[in-house]
Amino acid sequence: MDGGGGNAALNTSCRQSIELTHLRTTFLLTL
């Protein structure tokens, strides 16, 4: 159970990182 929680946290961190990169790419493309 504990390992699953850590996995979920890691997943959220990964998703946030991907979204941030996506936003930055979109921003640069708009410029």
Protein backbone atom coordinates (compact mmCIF):
# COMPACT_ATOMS: atom_id res chain seq x y z
CA MET A 1 0.00 0.00 0.00
CA ASP A 2 2.81 2.40 0.92
CA GLY A 3 4.63 1.70 -2.35
CA GLY A 4 1.44 2.43 -4.28
CA GLY A 5 1.13 5.83 -2.60
CA GLY A 6 4.71 6.70 -3.53
CA ASN A 7 4.00 5.61 -7.09
CA ALA A 8 0.96 7.89 -7.25
CA ALA A 9 2.99 10.83 -5.95
CA LEU A 10 5.67 10.15 -8.55
CA ASN A 11 2.97 9.98 -11.24
CA THR A 12 1.59 13.38 -10.21
CA SER A 13 5.09 14.88 -10.26
CA CYS A 14 5.69 13.45 -13.73
CA ARG A 15 2.38 14.77 -15.03
CA GLN A 16 3.06 18.26 -13.65
CA SER A 17 6.49 18.25 -15.28
CA ILE A 18 5.00 17.21 -18.63
CA GLU A 19 2.28 19.85 -18.41
CA LEU A 20 4.86 22.51 -17.56
CA THR A 21 6.99 21.53 -20.56
CA HIS A 22 3.90 21.54 -22.76
CA LEU A 23 2.91 25.00 -21.57
CA ARG A 24 6.41 26.33 -22.15
CA THR A 25 6.49 24.85 -25.66
CA THR A 26 3.11 26.36 -26.49
CA PHE A 27 4.24 29.72 -25.10
CA LEU A 28 7.43 29.67 -27.20
CA LEU A 29 5.45 28.68 -30.29
CA THR A 30 3.07 31.57 -29.71
CA LEU A 31 5.97 34.00 -29.57
